[in-house]
């Protein structure tokens, strides 16, 4: 189902070396008329400007019915560094199951806020946070892990 008439995300996050910022680390639809997106409130962070631009683009989008989509914002977690590399830690890499949403957590204060925002986005599902620090060094989290399972 098409929901947006035009526009695109700038997906060149500096912290995500292997992917240049896959969309599942930046923004996700949670209803056909609503998007959750990552924001970086720390102006000194290398991803602040690009995420701010993505948020501005989302706020300019219009759905086919002419209405603006609802936009829920989640703050980025503190940077996760492994072997000198900043890893693609993002709460947007959640996995939606039938009755729950599996959310990566990163052992930081932003985890609780992300969980609260996603509880509002998915009121009919249980929100389950799982520590993703040991998974993220593989350069993905739960949504990435659910993709392309070979037969």
Protein backbone atom coordinates (compact mmCIF):
# COMPACT_ATOMS: atom_id res chain seq x y z
CA UNK A 1 0.00 0.00 0.00
CA UNK A 2 1.41 3.40 -0.95
CA UNK A 3 1.33 5.98 1.79
CA UNK A 4 3.65 8.83 0.79
CA UNK A 5 3.52 10.68 -2.50
CA UNK A 6 7.11 11.92 -2.67
CA UNK A 7 10.28 12.52 -0.76
CA UNK A 8 13.18 10.44 0.42
CA UNK A 9 15.39 10.10 3.45
CA UNK A 10 18.99 11.10 3.59
CA UNK A 11 20.46 7.89 4.96
CA UNK A 12 24.15 8.59 5.35
CA UNK A 13 24.66 8.21 9.07
CA UNK A 14 28.31 8.59 9.95
CA UNK A 15 28.20 5.97 12.68
CA UNK A 16 27.02 3.21 10.40
CA UNK A 17 30.08 2.39 8.31
CA UNK A 18 28.97 -0.85 6.70
CA UNK A 19 25.54 0.34 5.60
CA UNK A 20 25.70 4.14 5.36
CA UNK A 21 22.52 4.04 7.40
CA UNK A 22 19.92 1.45 6.49
CA UNK A 23 16.43 2.83 6.84
CA UNK A 24 15.63 0.26 9.55
CA UNK A 25 18.13 2.08 11.77
CA UNK A 26 16.56 5.49 11.08
CA UNK A 27 12.77 5.45 10.60
CA UNK A 28 10.00 2.83 10.56
CA UNK A 29 6.29 2.89 9.86
CA UNK A 30 4.28 1.63 12.84
CA UNK A 31 0.90 2.33 11.22
CA UNK A 32 0.13 3.17 7.62
CA UNK A 33 -0.16 6.82 8.67
CA UNK A 34 2.56 6.98 11.34
CA UNK A 35 6.35 6.79 11.52
CA UNK A 36 8.79 6.45 14.39
CA UNK A 37 12.14 8.13 13.72
CA UNK A 38 15.48 8.43 15.46
CA UNK A 39 16.71 11.83 16.62
CA UNK A 40 20.04 12.87 18.12
CA UNK A 41 19.61 15.67 20.68
CA UNK A 42 23.37 16.03 21.29
CA UNK A 43 24.37 18.74 18.81
CA UNK A 44 28.01 17.69 19.08
CA UNK A 45 27.23 14.16 17.85
CA UNK A 46 28.23 13.44 14.26
CA UNK A 47 24.70 12.18 13.44
CA UNK A 48 22.78 15.17 14.84
CA UNK A 49 22.49 17.15 11.61
CA UNK A 50 21.55 14.25 9.34
CA UNK A 51 18.88 12.96 11.74
CA UNK A 52 17.56 16.50 12.16
CA UNK A 53 17.26 16.79 8.38
CA UNK A 54 15.41 13.46 8.23
CA UNK A 55 12.97 14.72 10.87
CA UNK A 56 12.37 17.91 8.89
CA UNK A 57 11.71 15.83 5.75
CA UNK A 58 9.22 13.63 7.61
CA UNK A 59 7.38 16.70 8.85
CA UNK A 60 7.07 17.93 5.24
CA UNK A 61 5.74 14.59 3.92
CA UNK A 62 2.10 14.22 3.03
CA UNK A 63 0.15 11.00 2.70
CA UNK A 64 -1.97 10.25 -0.36
CA UNK A 65 -4.96 11.71 1.50
CA UNK A 66 -3.04 14.99 1.91
CA UNK A 67 -2.55 14.64 5.64
CA UNK A 68 0.75 14.72 7.44
CA UNK A 69 1.81 11.40 8.98
CA UNK A 70 2.08 11.16 12.76
CA UNK A 71 5.75 11.21 13.72
CA UNK A 72 7.05 9.73 16.99
CA UNK A 73 10.62 10.60 17.95
CA UNK A 74 13.11 8.39 19.80
CA UNK A 75 16.48 9.66 20.98
CA UNK A 76 19.54 7.75 19.83
CA UNK A 77 21.26 5.65 22.50
CA UNK A 78 24.68 6.62 23.76
CA UNK A 79 27.34 5.63 21.23
CA UNK A 80 28.39 1.97 21.36
CA UNK A 81 32.05 1.52 20.46
CA UNK A 82 33.71 -1.82 19.69
CA UNK A 83 37.34 -2.16 18.67
CA UNK A 84 37.51 1.56 17.88
CA UNK A 85 34.42 1.51 15.62
CA UNK A 86 31.13 3.20 16.41
CA UNK A 87 28.44 0.59 15.93
CA UNK A 88 24.94 1.11 14.42
CA UNK A 89 23.08 1.15 17.74
CA UNK A 90 19.50 2.23 17.08
CA UNK A 91 16.14 1.57 18.72
CA UNK A 92 14.53 1.68 15.26
CA UNK A 93 15.96 -1.78 14.56
CA UNK A 94 13.09 -3.36 16.51
CA UNK A 95 11.29 -6.52 15.38
CA UNK A 96 7.48 -6.62 15.23
CA UNK A 97 6.02 -10.00 16.18
CA UNK A 98 2.34 -11.00 16.36
CA UNK A 99 1.78 -9.87 19.95
CA UNK A 100 5.02 -8.14 20.85
CA UNK A 101 7.78 -5.80 19.70
CA UNK A 102 11.37 -6.83 20.44
CA UNK A 103 13.43 -3.70 21.06
CA UNK A 104 17.22 -3.53 21.21
CA UNK A 105 18.54 -1.99 24.44
CA UNK A 106 22.06 -0.66 24.93
CA UNK A 107 22.61 -0.39 28.70
CA UNK A 108 22.02 3.37 28.80
CA UNK A 109 19.45 5.81 30.16
CA UNK A 110 17.88 6.27 26.71
CA UNK A 111 16.61 2.65 26.80
CA UNK A 112 13.67 3.51 29.09
CA UNK A 113 12.57 6.49 27.01
CA UNK A 114 12.68 4.42 23.80
CA UNK A 115 10.57 1.71 25.41
CA UNK A 116 7.96 4.26 26.53
CA UNK A 117 7.70 5.78 23.04
CA UNK A 118 7.27 2.36 21.46
CA UNK A 119 4.62 1.41 24.04
CA UNK A 120 2.62 4.39 22.76
CA UNK A 121 3.23 3.39 19.14
CA UNK A 122 2.17 -0.23 19.69
CA UNK A 123 -0.52 -0.17 22.41
CA UNK A 124 -1.81 -3.64 21.44
CA UNK A 125 1.58 -5.36 21.73
CA UNK A 126 3.96 -6.13 24.57
CA UNK A 127 7.18 -4.13 24.30
CA UNK A 128 10.13 -6.33 25.21
CA UNK A 129 13.56 -4.78 25.59
CA UNK A 130 16.53 -7.11 25.15
CA UNK A 131 20.15 -6.14 25.66
CA UNK A 132 21.68 -5.77 22.21
CA UNK A 133 25.22 -4.71 23.14
CA UNK A 134 26.63 -8.16 22.34
CA UNK A 135 24.62 -8.37 19.10
CA UNK A 136 25.29 -4.92 17.66
CA UNK A 137 28.99 -5.58 17.06
CA UNK A 138 27.73 -7.76 14.18
CA UNK A 139 26.45 -4.46 12.70
CA UNK A 140 22.74 -5.11 13.11
CA UNK A 141 20.09 -5.89 15.69
CA UNK A 142 16.74 -7.71 15.87
CA UNK A 143 15.15 -6.41 12.67
CA UNK A 144 18.36 -7.15 10.74
CA UNK A 145 18.57 -10.61 12.29
CA UNK A 146 15.07 -11.44 11.06
CA UNK A 147 15.96 -10.84 7.40
CA UNK A 148 17.03 -13.18 4.60
CA UNK A 149 17.03 -16.53 6.32
CA UNK A 150 18.37 -19.01 3.75
CA UNK A 151 16.26 -22.04 2.83
